[in-house]
Amino acid sequence: MNATLFDDTPALANRLSDLPYGTPTVTCWVPGEDEAARRLGLVRYLMKPVTRETLLHTLRELGEDVEAVLIVDDEPEVLQLFSRMLSSAEREYDVLLAKSGQRALDLLRHRQPDVMLLDLIMPGMDGFQVLREKNRDPSICDIPVVVISSRDPGGPIVSDTLTVTRSGGLSVCDLLSCVQTVSEVLSPSAQLGRLKRPEKHAA
């Protein structure tokens, strides 16, 4: 079975028609980084690893007024890496570092940086909690945020719809096989209850 991911565009039908006759296709919608940024109220959502060029370009897009940058990550190596990237830029940035969500909020309130680079997955107060607390505080809610995370922006659930199509149609046997396979993938426990034969004991 050929699994392909398409965005929800009118070109979908044309793409499917280009497939060889009888090729099964699984289609589903997967949210991307731009939508994740909109949903979380971010300037950008960047996936690790992030290159120096991408980081500096993202900051340049925020304008010439950006001087103070708060970097929030629980891994010291990551803080050091991004600090080096910023220090190598042509323009001079005032870099603030926070290894926890609570420290990030403290620096946001007392130092008022021009932008925050935020990791989402941290022990204790994670990035999602930092965003919620920040948005509740009128004094810091307007500070732009760029998330830099290894977390898939779609999260653990990337789609609630799965469509199987094939030119020429699906036979009853094909359909039942698809249902059984998808059921086993989505509900592994179903395998245990699937027509178990009773064990034979020796007399």
N, C-alpha and C. Protein backbone atom coordinates (compact mmCIF):
# COMPACT_ATOMS: atom_id res chain seq x y z
N MET A 1 0.84 -1.19 0.00
CA MET A 1 0.00 0.00 0.00
C MET A 1 0.88 1.24 0.00
N ASN A 2 0.59 2.16 -0.89
CA ASN A 2 1.38 3.37 -1.00
C ASN A 2 0.77 4.45 -0.12
N ALA A 3 1.50 4.89 0.94
CA ALA A 3 0.99 5.92 1.84
C ALA A 3 1.53 7.26 1.44
N THR A 4 0.66 8.22 1.12
CA THR A 4 1.09 9.55 0.73
C THR A 4 0.35 10.58 1.55
N LEU A 5 1.05 11.66 1.91
CA LEU A 5 0.46 12.74 2.69
C LEU A 5 0.30 13.95 1.80
N PHE A 6 -0.91 14.46 1.72
CA PHE A 6 -1.16 15.64 0.91
C PHE A 6 -1.79 16.72 1.75
N ASP A 7 -1.56 17.98 1.36
CA ASP A 7 -2.30 19.05 2.01
C ASP A 7 -3.66 19.15 1.36
N ASP A 8 -4.57 19.90 2.00
CA ASP A 8 -5.95 19.98 1.53
C ASP A 8 -6.04 21.05 0.45
N THR A 9 -5.68 20.71 -0.79
CA THR A 9 -5.69 21.67 -1.89
C THR A 9 -6.42 21.06 -3.07
N PRO A 10 -6.86 21.93 -4.01
CA PRO A 10 -7.54 21.40 -5.21
C PRO A 10 -6.64 20.51 -6.05
N ALA A 11 -5.32 20.62 -5.86
CA ALA A 11 -4.40 19.82 -6.66
C ALA A 11 -4.39 18.36 -6.24
N LEU A 12 -5.08 18.03 -5.14
CA LEU A 12 -5.07 16.66 -4.64
C LEU A 12 -5.56 15.67 -5.69
N ALA A 13 -6.67 15.99 -6.33
CA ALA A 13 -7.23 15.07 -7.31
C ALA A 13 -6.26 14.83 -8.46
N ASN A 14 -5.57 15.90 -8.89
CA ASN A 14 -4.61 15.76 -9.98
C ASN A 14 -3.45 14.87 -9.58
N ARG A 15 -2.98 15.04 -8.35
CA ARG A 15 -1.86 14.22 -7.87
C ARG A 15 -2.25 12.74 -7.84
N LEU A 16 -3.47 12.47 -7.36
CA LEU A 16 -3.92 11.09 -7.29
C LEU A 16 -4.09 10.48 -8.67
N SER A 17 -4.51 11.30 -9.62
CA SER A 17 -4.73 10.77 -10.97
C SER A 17 -3.43 10.41 -11.67
N ASP A 18 -2.31 10.94 -11.17
CA ASP A 18 -1.01 10.63 -11.77
C ASP A 18 -0.46 9.29 -11.32
N LEU A 19 -1.06 8.68 -10.30
CA LEU A 19 -0.57 7.40 -9.80
C LEU A 19 -0.91 6.28 -10.78
N PRO A 20 -0.10 5.23 -10.81
CA PRO A 20 -0.42 4.08 -11.68
C PRO A 20 -1.79 3.50 -11.33
N TYR A 21 -2.46 2.96 -12.34
CA TYR A 21 -3.79 2.41 -12.13
C TYR A 21 -3.77 1.33 -11.05
N GLY A 22 -4.73 1.38 -10.14
CA GLY A 22 -4.87 0.37 -9.10
C GLY A 22 -3.98 0.57 -7.89
N THR A 23 -3.22 1.68 -7.85
CA THR A 23 -2.34 1.91 -6.70
C THR A 23 -3.14 2.41 -5.50
N PRO A 24 -3.16 1.67 -4.40
CA PRO A 24 -3.88 2.14 -3.21
C PRO A 24 -3.20 3.38 -2.63
N THR A 25 -3.98 4.31 -2.14
CA THR A 25 -3.43 5.55 -1.58
C THR A 25 -4.09 5.85 -0.25
N VAL A 26 -3.27 6.13 0.74
CA VAL A 26 -3.77 6.57 2.05
C VAL A 26 -3.51 8.06 2.14
N THR A 27 -4.55 8.84 2.35
CA THR A 27 -4.39 10.29 2.46
C THR A 27 -4.84 10.74 3.85
N CYS A 28 -4.08 11.67 4.41
CA CYS A 28 -4.48 12.30 5.66
C CYS A 28 -3.86 13.68 5.72
N TRP A 29 -4.39 14.53 6.55
CA TRP A 29 -3.92 15.90 6.67
C TRP A 29 -3.02 16.01 7.89
N VAL A 30 -1.82 16.61 7.69
CA VAL A 30 -0.85 16.76 8.77
C VAL A 30 -0.54 18.24 8.96
N PRO A 31 -0.79 18.80 10.16
CA PRO A 31 -0.50 20.22 10.37
C PRO A 31 0.99 20.49 10.32
N GLY A 32 1.35 21.65 9.80
CA GLY A 32 2.75 22.01 9.68
C GLY A 32 3.17 23.04 10.72
N GLU A 33 4.40 23.54 10.55
CA GLU A 33 4.96 24.46 11.52
C GLU A 33 4.22 25.80 11.54
N ASP A 34 3.78 26.27 10.37
CA ASP A 34 3.10 27.56 10.32
C ASP A 34 1.78 27.52 11.09
N GLU A 35 1.03 26.43 10.92
CA GLU A 35 -0.24 26.34 11.64
C GLU A 35 -0.01 26.20 13.14
N ALA A 36 1.02 25.43 13.53
CA ALA A 36 1.34 25.29 14.95
C ALA A 36 1.67 26.65 15.54
N ALA A 37 2.40 27.46 14.78
CA ALA A 37 2.75 28.81 15.25
C ALA A 37 1.49 29.65 15.46
N ARG A 38 0.57 29.58 14.52
CA ARG A 38 -0.68 30.35 14.65
C ARG A 38 -1.48 29.88 15.85
N ARG A 39 -1.56 28.57 16.02
CA ARG A 39 -2.37 28.02 17.11
C ARG A 39 -1.82 28.40 18.48
N LEU A 40 -0.49 28.46 18.60
CA LEU A 40 0.14 28.77 19.88
C LEU A 40 0.39 30.27 20.06
N GLY A 41 0.12 31.08 19.02
CA GLY A 41 0.36 32.51 19.13
C GLY A 41 1.83 32.86 19.03
N LEU A 42 2.57 32.17 18.16
CA LEU A 42 4.01 32.37 18.03
C LEU A 42 4.34 33.16 16.78
N VAL A 43 5.57 33.68 16.75
CA VAL A 43 6.09 34.29 15.54
C VAL A 43 6.50 33.19 14.57
N ARG A 44 7.23 32.21 15.07
CA ARG A 44 7.67 31.08 14.27
C ARG A 44 7.75 29.83 15.12
N TYR A 45 7.66 28.67 14.47
CA TYR A 45 7.87 27.39 15.12
C TYR A 45 9.00 26.71 14.36
N LEU A 46 10.16 26.58 15.01
CA LEU A 46 11.32 25.97 14.37
C LEU A 46 11.59 24.60 14.98
N MET A 47 11.87 23.64 14.10
CA MET A 47 12.18 22.29 14.55
C MET A 47 13.69 22.11 14.68
N LYS A 48 14.13 21.54 15.81
CA LYS A 48 15.54 21.21 15.97
C LYS A 48 15.91 20.06 15.03
N PRO A 49 17.13 20.05 14.51
CA PRO A 49 18.20 21.03 14.73
C PRO A 49 17.98 22.28 13.89
N VAL A 50 18.33 23.44 14.45
CA VAL A 50 18.16 24.73 13.77
C VAL A 50 19.54 25.26 13.38
N THR A 51 19.67 25.64 12.14
CA THR A 51 20.96 26.15 11.67
C THR A 51 21.13 27.61 12.10
N ARG A 52 22.36 28.05 12.08
CA ARG A 52 22.68 29.44 12.40
C ARG A 52 21.95 30.38 11.44
N GLU A 53 21.96 30.04 10.15
CA GLU A 53 21.32 30.88 9.15
C GLU A 53 19.83 31.03 9.42
N THR A 54 19.16 29.92 9.77
CA THR A 54 17.73 29.96 10.04
C THR A 54 17.43 30.82 11.27
N LEU A 55 18.22 30.65 12.31
CA LEU A 55 18.00 31.41 13.54
C LEU A 55 18.18 32.90 13.30
N LEU A 56 19.28 33.29 12.66
CA LEU A 56 19.54 34.71 12.44
C LEU A 56 18.53 35.32 11.47
N HIS A 57 18.13 34.55 10.48
CA HIS A 57 17.11 35.05 9.54
C HIS A 57 15.78 35.29 10.26
N THR A 58 15.42 34.39 11.15
CA THR A 58 14.18 34.54 11.91
C THR A 58 14.22 35.81 12.75
N LEU A 59 15.34 36.09 13.39
CA LEU A 59 15.45 37.30 14.20
C LEU A 59 15.45 38.55 13.33
N ARG A 60 16.08 38.49 12.17
CA ARG A 60 16.08 39.66 11.27
C ARG A 60 14.68 39.99 10.81
N GLU A 61 13.86 38.95 10.63
CA GLU A 61 12.48 39.18 10.19
C GLU A 61 11.66 39.96 11.23
N LEU A 62 12.09 39.91 12.49
CA LEU A 62 11.37 40.61 13.55
C LEU A 62 11.65 42.11 13.55
N GLY A 63 12.67 42.54 12.80
CA GLY A 63 12.97 43.96 12.69
C GLY A 63 14.27 44.37 13.35
N GLU A 64 14.66 45.59 13.07
CA GLU A 64 15.93 46.12 13.56
C GLU A 64 15.89 46.45 15.05
N ASP A 65 14.70 46.51 15.63
CA ASP A 65 14.60 46.89 17.05
C ASP A 65 14.94 45.74 18.00
N VAL A 66 15.09 44.54 17.47
CA VAL A 66 15.38 43.38 18.33
C VAL A 66 16.83 43.43 18.79
N GLU A 67 17.02 43.58 20.09
CA GLU A 67 18.37 43.61 20.66
C GLU A 67 18.55 42.56 21.76
N ALA A 68 17.58 42.49 22.67
CA ALA A 68 17.67 41.54 23.79
C ALA A 68 16.91 40.26 23.44
N VAL A 69 17.61 39.12 23.51
CA VAL A 69 17.03 37.82 23.15
C VAL A 69 17.12 36.89 24.36
N LEU A 70 15.98 36.39 24.78
CA LEU A 70 15.93 35.42 25.88
C LEU A 70 15.86 34.02 25.30
N ILE A 71 16.82 33.17 25.67
CA ILE A 71 16.85 31.77 25.21
C ILE A 71 16.46 30.88 26.39
N VAL A 72 15.44 30.04 26.18
CA VAL A 72 14.93 29.18 27.26
C VAL A 72 15.04 27.72 26.84
N ASP A 73 15.87 26.97 27.55
CA ASP A 73 16.04 25.54 27.27
C ASP A 73 16.68 24.89 28.49
N ASP A 74 16.23 23.69 28.84
CA ASP A 74 16.76 23.04 30.03
C ASP A 74 18.11 22.36 29.79
N GLU A 75 18.56 22.30 28.53
CA GLU A 75 19.84 21.67 28.23
C GLU A 75 20.92 22.74 28.08
N PRO A 76 21.93 22.73 28.96
CA PRO A 76 23.00 23.73 28.90
C PRO A 76 23.72 23.77 27.55
N GLU A 77 23.86 22.60 26.90
CA GLU A 77 24.54 22.56 25.61
C GLU A 77 23.77 23.34 24.56
N VAL A 78 22.45 23.28 24.62
CA VAL A 78 21.62 24.00 23.65
C VAL A 78 21.73 25.50 23.90
N LEU A 79 21.69 25.91 25.17
CA LEU A 79 21.84 27.33 25.50
C LEU A 79 23.18 27.85 24.97
N GLN A 80 24.21 27.07 25.16
CA GLN A 80 25.55 27.46 24.72
C GLN A 80 25.61 27.55 23.20
N LEU A 81 24.99 26.60 22.52
CA LEU A 81 25.01 26.58 21.06
C LEU A 81 24.34 27.82 20.48
N PHE A 82 23.12 28.12 20.96
CA PHE A 82 22.40 29.28 20.44
C PHE A 82 23.07 30.59 20.83
N SER A 83 23.69 30.61 21.99
CA SER A 83 24.44 31.81 22.40
C SER A 83 25.58 32.07 21.44
N ARG A 84 26.29 31.00 21.05
CA ARG A 84 27.39 31.15 20.10
C ARG A 84 26.88 31.63 18.74
N MET A 85 25.75 31.10 18.32
CA MET A 85 25.17 31.53 17.05
C MET A 85 24.88 33.03 17.06
N LEU A 86 24.29 33.51 18.16
CA LEU A 86 23.93 34.92 18.24
C LEU A 86 25.17 35.80 18.36
N SER A 87 26.17 35.32 19.08
CA SER A 87 27.39 36.11 19.25
C SER A 87 28.18 36.22 17.95
N SER A 88 27.93 35.30 17.01
CA SER A 88 28.64 35.34 15.72
C SER A 88 27.93 36.20 14.70
N ALA A 89 26.77 36.75 15.06
CA ALA A 89 26.01 37.58 14.12
C ALA A 89 26.70 38.92 13.92
N GLU A 90 26.42 39.55 12.78
CA GLU A 90 27.01 40.86 12.48
C GLU A 90 26.54 41.92 13.48
N ARG A 91 25.28 41.85 13.85
CA ARG A 91 24.77 42.79 14.83
C ARG A 91 24.93 42.21 16.23
N GLU A 92 24.97 43.06 17.22
CA GLU A 92 25.22 42.62 18.59
C GLU A 92 23.90 42.41 19.33
N TYR A 93 23.72 41.21 19.86
CA TYR A 93 22.53 40.89 20.64
C TYR A 93 22.88 40.81 22.12
N ASP A 94 21.94 41.25 22.96
CA ASP A 94 22.05 41.07 24.40
C ASP A 94 21.36 39.76 24.74
N VAL A 95 22.13 38.73 25.07
CA VAL A 95 21.60 37.38 25.24
C VAL A 95 21.32 37.09 26.71
N LEU A 96 20.08 36.66 27.00
CA LEU A 96 19.67 36.23 28.33
C LEU A 96 19.39 34.73 28.27
N LEU A 97 19.77 34.01 29.33
CA LEU A 97 19.62 32.55 29.34
C LEU A 97 18.75 32.11 30.52
N ALA A 98 17.88 31.13 30.26
CA ALA A 98 17.03 30.55 31.31
C ALA A 98 16.96 29.05 31.11
N LYS A 99 17.23 28.30 32.18
CA LYS A 99 17.19 26.83 32.10
C LYS A 99 15.87 26.25 32.61
N SER A 100 14.92 27.10 32.99
CA SER A 100 13.63 26.62 33.48
C SER A 100 12.53 27.59 33.07
N GLY A 101 11.31 27.08 33.09
CA GLY A 101 10.18 27.92 32.74
C GLY A 101 9.97 29.07 33.71
N GLN A 102 10.13 28.79 35.00
CA GLN A 102 9.93 29.84 36.00
C GLN A 102 10.97 30.95 35.85
N ARG A 103 12.24 30.56 35.59
CA ARG A 103 13.29 31.55 35.38
C ARG A 103 12.99 32.39 34.13
N ALA A 104 12.43 31.75 33.12
CA ALA A 104 12.07 32.47 31.90
C ALA A 104 11.03 33.55 32.20
N LEU A 105 10.01 33.21 32.98
CA LEU A 105 8.98 34.19 33.33
C LEU A 105 9.56 35.34 34.15
N ASP A 106 10.47 35.01 35.06
CA ASP A 106 11.11 36.05 35.87
C ASP A 106 11.88 37.03 34.97
N LEU A 107 12.63 36.50 34.02
CA LEU A 107 13.40 37.38 33.12
C LEU A 107 12.48 38.16 32.19
N LEU A 108 11.40 37.55 31.75
CA LEU A 108 10.44 38.27 30.92
C LEU A 108 9.89 39.49 31.66
N ARG A 109 9.57 39.30 32.94
CA ARG A 109 8.96 40.39 33.71
C ARG A 109 9.96 41.47 34.10
N HIS A 110 11.19 41.07 34.43
CA HIS A 110 12.15 42.03 34.97
C HIS A 110 13.09 42.62 33.92
N ARG A 111 13.35 41.87 32.82
CA ARG A 111 14.28 42.35 31.80
C ARG A 111 13.58 42.78 30.51
N GLN A 112 12.35 42.31 30.31
CA GLN A 112 11.56 42.68 29.13
C GLN A 112 12.36 42.52 27.83
N PRO A 113 12.78 41.29 27.48
CA PRO A 113 13.52 41.08 26.23
C PRO A 113 12.65 41.39 25.01
N ASP A 114 13.30 41.56 23.87
CA ASP A 114 12.57 41.86 22.64
C ASP A 114 11.97 40.62 22.00
N VAL A 115 12.51 39.45 22.33
CA VAL A 115 11.99 38.19 21.80
C VAL A 115 12.43 37.06 22.71
N MET A 116 11.64 36.00 22.76
CA MET A 116 11.99 34.81 23.54
C MET A 116 12.09 33.61 22.60
N LEU A 117 13.22 32.90 22.68
CA LEU A 117 13.38 31.62 21.98
C LEU A 117 13.10 30.53 23.00
N LEU A 118 12.04 29.77 22.78
CA LEU A 118 11.50 28.88 23.81
C LEU A 118 11.47 27.42 23.39
N ASP A 119 12.02 26.56 24.25
CA ASP A 119 11.86 25.11 24.08
C ASP A 119 10.53 24.71 24.71
N LEU A 120 9.87 23.70 24.17
CA LEU A 120 8.57 23.28 24.71
C LEU A 120 8.69 22.20 25.77
N ILE A 121 9.62 21.27 25.58
CA ILE A 121 9.71 20.13 26.48
C ILE A 121 10.80 20.38 27.52
N MET A 122 10.37 20.70 28.75
CA MET A 122 11.28 20.96 29.85
C MET A 122 10.68 20.37 31.12
N PRO A 123 11.50 19.92 32.05
CA PRO A 123 10.97 19.40 33.32
C PRO A 123 10.36 20.53 34.15
N GLY A 124 9.44 20.17 35.01
CA GLY A 124 8.77 21.19 35.83
C GLY A 124 7.80 21.97 34.98
N MET A 125 8.02 23.27 34.84
CA MET A 125 7.17 24.12 34.00
C MET A 125 7.65 24.03 32.56
N ASP A 126 6.84 23.43 31.69
CA ASP A 126 7.27 23.29 30.30
C ASP A 126 6.93 24.53 29.49
N GLY A 127 7.27 24.49 28.20
CA GLY A 127 7.06 25.66 27.35
C GLY A 127 5.60 26.04 27.18
N PHE A 128 4.71 25.06 27.18
CA PHE A 128 3.29 25.36 27.04
C PHE A 128 2.78 26.15 28.25
N GLN A 129 3.24 25.77 29.43
CA GLN A 129 2.86 26.50 30.64
C GLN A 129 3.44 27.90 30.64
N VAL A 130 4.67 28.04 30.16
CA VAL A 130 5.27 29.38 30.06
C VAL A 130 4.42 30.27 29.16
N LEU A 131 3.99 29.74 28.03
CA LEU A 131 3.17 30.51 27.11
C LEU A 131 1.85 30.93 27.74
N ARG A 132 1.22 29.99 28.48
CA ARG A 132 -0.05 30.33 29.14
C ARG A 132 0.14 31.43 30.17
N GLU A 133 1.17 31.29 31.01
CA GLU A 133 1.42 32.30 32.04
C GLU A 133 1.78 33.65 31.40
N LYS A 134 2.57 33.61 30.37
CA LYS A 134 2.96 34.85 29.67
C LYS A 134 1.74 35.55 29.11
N ASN A 135 0.84 34.79 28.48
CA ASN A 135 -0.33 35.40 27.86
C ASN A 135 -1.32 35.96 28.87
N ARG A 136 -1.25 35.49 30.13
CA ARG A 136 -2.14 36.02 31.17
C ARG A 136 -1.62 37.33 31.78
N ASP A 137 -0.35 37.63 31.53
CA ASP A 137 0.28 38.80 32.15
C ASP A 137 0.34 39.95 31.14
N PRO A 138 -0.45 41.01 31.35
CA PRO A 138 -0.49 42.12 30.39
C PRO A 138 0.86 42.79 30.17
N SER A 139 1.76 42.69 31.15
CA SER A 139 3.05 43.38 31.03
C SER A 139 4.02 42.67 30.09
N ILE A 140 3.78 41.39 29.78
CA ILE A 140 4.71 40.64 28.93
C ILE A 140 4.02 39.90 27.79
N CYS A 141 2.70 39.97 27.71
CA CYS A 141 1.97 39.16 26.73
C CYS A 141 2.31 39.53 25.28
N ASP A 142 2.80 40.75 25.05
CA ASP A 142 3.10 41.16 23.68
C ASP A 142 4.52 40.84 23.23
N ILE A 143 5.34 40.27 24.11
CA ILE A 143 6.70 39.91 23.72
C ILE A 143 6.63 38.73 22.74
N PRO A 144 7.17 38.87 21.54
CA PRO A 144 7.09 37.78 20.56
C PRO A 144 7.87 36.55 20.99
N VAL A 145 7.38 35.39 20.57
CA VAL A 145 7.99 34.11 20.94
C VAL A 145 8.28 33.29 19.70
N VAL A 146 9.49 32.73 19.66
CA VAL A 146 9.86 31.76 18.64
C VAL A 146 10.13 30.45 19.36
N VAL A 147 9.35 29.42 19.05
CA VAL A 147 9.59 28.11 19.64
C VAL A 147 10.66 27.39 18.84
N ILE A 148 11.63 26.82 19.56
CA ILE A 148 12.66 25.97 18.95
C ILE A 148 12.60 24.64 19.68
N SER A 149 12.03 23.63 19.04
CA SER A 149 11.75 22.39 19.74
C SER A 149 11.98 21.18 18.85
N SER A 150 12.28 20.05 19.47
CA SER A 150 12.38 18.79 18.75
C SER A 150 11.01 18.13 18.64
N ARG A 151 10.03 18.73 19.27
CA ARG A 151 8.67 18.17 19.28
C ARG A 151 7.99 18.42 17.94
N ASP A 152 7.38 17.38 17.38
CA ASP A 152 6.62 17.51 16.15
C ASP A 152 5.51 18.52 16.37
N PRO A 153 5.41 19.56 15.51
CA PRO A 153 4.37 20.58 15.71
C PRO A 153 2.96 20.03 15.66
N GLY A 154 2.80 18.86 15.02
CA GLY A 154 1.47 18.27 14.98
C GLY A 154 1.10 17.55 16.25
N GLY A 155 2.10 17.35 17.14
CA GLY A 155 1.82 16.66 18.38
C GLY A 155 1.60 15.18 18.16
N PRO A 156 1.17 14.48 19.20
CA PRO A 156 0.96 13.03 19.08
C PRO A 156 -0.19 12.68 18.14
N ILE A 157 -1.13 13.62 17.94
CA ILE A 157 -2.25 13.38 17.02
C ILE A 157 -2.10 14.34 15.85
N VAL A 158 -1.79 13.84 14.68
CA VAL A 158 -1.59 14.70 13.54
C VAL A 158 -2.81 14.75 12.62
N SER A 159 -3.72 13.80 12.75
CA SER A 159 -4.90 13.81 11.91
C SER A 159 -5.98 12.94 12.54
N ASP A 160 -7.25 13.35 12.36
CA ASP A 160 -8.34 12.53 12.87
C ASP A 160 -9.10 11.86 11.73
N THR A 161 -8.56 11.95 10.50
CA THR A 161 -9.20 11.37 9.34
C THR A 161 -8.19 10.62 8.50
N LEU A 162 -8.58 9.43 8.08
CA LEU A 162 -7.72 8.61 7.22
C LEU A 162 -8.58 8.11 6.08
N THR A 163 -8.14 8.33 4.84
CA THR A 163 -8.92 7.93 3.68
C THR A 163 -8.10 6.97 2.82
N VAL A 164 -8.71 5.87 2.43
CA VAL A 164 -8.06 4.89 1.56
C VAL A 164 -8.80 4.88 0.23
N THR A 165 -8.08 5.13 -0.85
CA THR A 165 -8.70 5.12 -2.18
C THR A 165 -7.84 4.31 -3.14
N ARG A 166 -8.48 3.81 -4.20
CA ARG A 166 -7.75 3.13 -5.27
C ARG A 166 -8.58 3.19 -6.54
N SER A 167 -7.94 3.62 -7.61
CA SER A 167 -8.66 3.63 -8.88
C SER A 167 -9.07 2.22 -9.23
N GLY A 168 -10.31 2.06 -9.60
CA GLY A 168 -10.82 0.72 -9.88
C GLY A 168 -11.58 0.13 -8.72
N GLY A 169 -11.49 0.79 -7.55
CA GLY A 169 -12.26 0.38 -6.40
C GLY A 169 -11.58 -0.66 -5.53
N LEU A 170 -12.24 -1.00 -4.43
CA LEU A 170 -11.74 -1.99 -3.48
C LEU A 170 -12.74 -3.14 -3.39
N SER A 171 -12.23 -4.35 -3.44
CA SER A 171 -13.11 -5.51 -3.29
C SER A 171 -13.47 -5.68 -1.81
N VAL A 172 -14.44 -6.54 -1.55
CA VAL A 172 -14.81 -6.82 -0.16
C VAL A 172 -13.62 -7.38 0.60
N CYS A 173 -12.86 -8.25 -0.05
CA CYS A 173 -11.67 -8.83 0.59
C CYS A 173 -10.65 -7.74 0.91
N ASP A 174 -10.44 -6.81 -0.05
CA ASP A 174 -9.51 -5.70 0.17
C ASP A 174 -9.96 -4.85 1.37
N LEU A 175 -11.27 -4.55 1.38
CA LEU A 175 -11.81 -3.69 2.43
C LEU A 175 -11.66 -4.33 3.80
N LEU A 176 -11.98 -5.62 3.90
CA LEU A 176 -11.86 -6.30 5.19
C LEU A 176 -10.41 -6.37 5.65
N SER A 177 -9.49 -6.58 4.70
CA SER A 177 -8.07 -6.62 5.06
C SER A 177 -7.60 -5.26 5.56
N CYS A 178 -8.06 -4.19 4.91
CA CYS A 178 -7.70 -2.83 5.34
C CYS A 178 -8.23 -2.56 6.74
N VAL A 179 -9.50 -2.90 6.97
CA VAL A 179 -10.11 -2.67 8.29
C VAL A 179 -9.35 -3.41 9.37
N GLN A 180 -9.01 -4.68 9.10
CA GLN A 180 -8.29 -5.47 10.09
C GLN A 180 -6.91 -4.89 10.37
N THR A 181 -6.18 -4.51 9.31
CA THR A 181 -4.83 -3.96 9.49
C THR A 181 -4.85 -2.64 10.24
N VAL A 182 -5.75 -1.74 9.83
CA VAL A 182 -5.83 -0.43 10.50
C VAL A 182 -6.26 -0.60 11.95
N SER A 183 -7.19 -1.51 12.20
CA SER A 183 -7.64 -1.75 13.58
C SER A 183 -6.50 -2.23 14.47
N GLU A 184 -5.66 -3.10 13.92
CA GLU A 184 -4.55 -3.62 14.71
C GLU A 184 -3.50 -2.54 14.99
N VAL A 185 -3.31 -1.63 14.03
CA VAL A 185 -2.35 -0.54 14.22
C VAL A 185 -2.87 0.47 15.25
N LEU A 186 -4.14 0.83 15.14
CA LEU A 186 -4.71 1.85 16.02
C LEU A 186 -5.09 1.32 17.39
N SER A 187 -5.41 0.02 17.46
CA SER A 187 -5.78 -0.59 18.74
C SER A 187 -5.01 -1.89 18.91
N PRO A 188 -3.73 -1.80 19.31
CA PRO A 188 -2.91 -3.01 19.45
C PRO A 188 -3.52 -4.05 20.37
N SER A 189 -4.29 -3.61 21.36
CA SER A 189 -4.88 -4.56 22.30
C SER A 189 -5.90 -5.46 21.62
N ALA A 190 -6.40 -5.00 20.46
CA ALA A 190 -7.40 -5.81 19.76
C ALA A 190 -6.79 -7.11 19.27
N GLN A 191 -5.46 -7.10 19.08
CA GLN A 191 -4.81 -8.32 18.62
C GLN A 191 -4.97 -9.44 19.64
N LEU A 192 -4.99 -9.06 20.92
CA LEU A 192 -5.06 -10.08 21.96
C LEU A 192 -6.42 -10.75 22.00
N GLY A 193 -7.46 -9.99 21.66
CA GLY A 193 -8.80 -10.56 21.75
C GLY A 193 -9.30 -11.13 20.44
N ARG A 194 -8.43 -11.18 19.44
CA ARG A 194 -8.84 -11.58 18.10
C ARG A 194 -8.87 -13.10 17.97
N LEU A 195 -10.06 -13.67 18.03
CA LEU A 195 -10.27 -15.09 17.79
C LEU A 195 -9.16 -15.97 18.36
N LYS A 196 -8.97 -15.88 19.65
CA LYS A 196 -7.95 -16.72 20.30
C LYS A 196 -8.42 -18.17 20.34
N ARG A 197 -7.58 -19.03 19.92
CA ARG A 197 -7.92 -20.45 20.01
C ARG A 197 -7.55 -20.95 21.39
N PRO A 198 -8.39 -21.75 22.00
CA PRO A 198 -8.07 -22.28 23.32
C PRO A 198 -6.87 -23.20 23.25
N GLU A 199 -6.03 -23.10 24.26
CA GLU A 199 -4.85 -23.96 24.28
C GLU A 199 -5.25 -25.41 24.55
N LYS A 200 -4.56 -26.31 23.89
CA LYS A 200 -4.82 -27.74 24.09
C LYS A 200 -3.90 -28.25 25.19
N HIS A 201 -4.49 -28.89 26.16
CA HIS A 201 -3.71 -29.47 27.24
C HIS A 201 -3.59 -30.97 27.06
N ALA A 202 -2.42 -31.44 27.33
CA ALA A 202 -2.22 -32.89 27.20
C ALA A 202 -3.06 -33.64 28.21
N ALA A 203 -3.61 -34.78 27.82
CA ALA A 203 -4.45 -35.58 28.70
C ALA A 203 -3.59 -36.25 29.75
